[in-house]
């Protein structure tokens, strides 16, 4: 279960204002993120929830019909993405697009988040 003390109030309010289907997806992703690493810091930056540890790790971006879980160094994570969830072709950013709750894959997503945290740890050493 996500640690309520680590939840950011601005993120709480942001999620509460979302349409129910998008709110459910965003809440599920948030729970996976917070449960995957005790080190992650939740913040509300750039009008969306962001998670950092020794640098930016991931973010939750909402749209009308989907939610993106974005990774700031997603290009490096692609080789670890055995479930082929990551999309995008930018220089560094990659994202997982979720349109329905059934598409949320907690174990695969947690694994990518854990790997992103490890990557930031290595790069900061």
Foldseek 3Di string as FASTA:
>chain_A
DADPVQDDVVQVVLLVPDPPFQSVQVVVLVRLLRVLDVQWHWDQPPNWIWIDHLGTAWTWDDDDQWIKIKGQQVVVLCVVQPVPQWDDDDPGMTIGIGRGPVPDDSVSSSVSSNVSNVVSVVVND
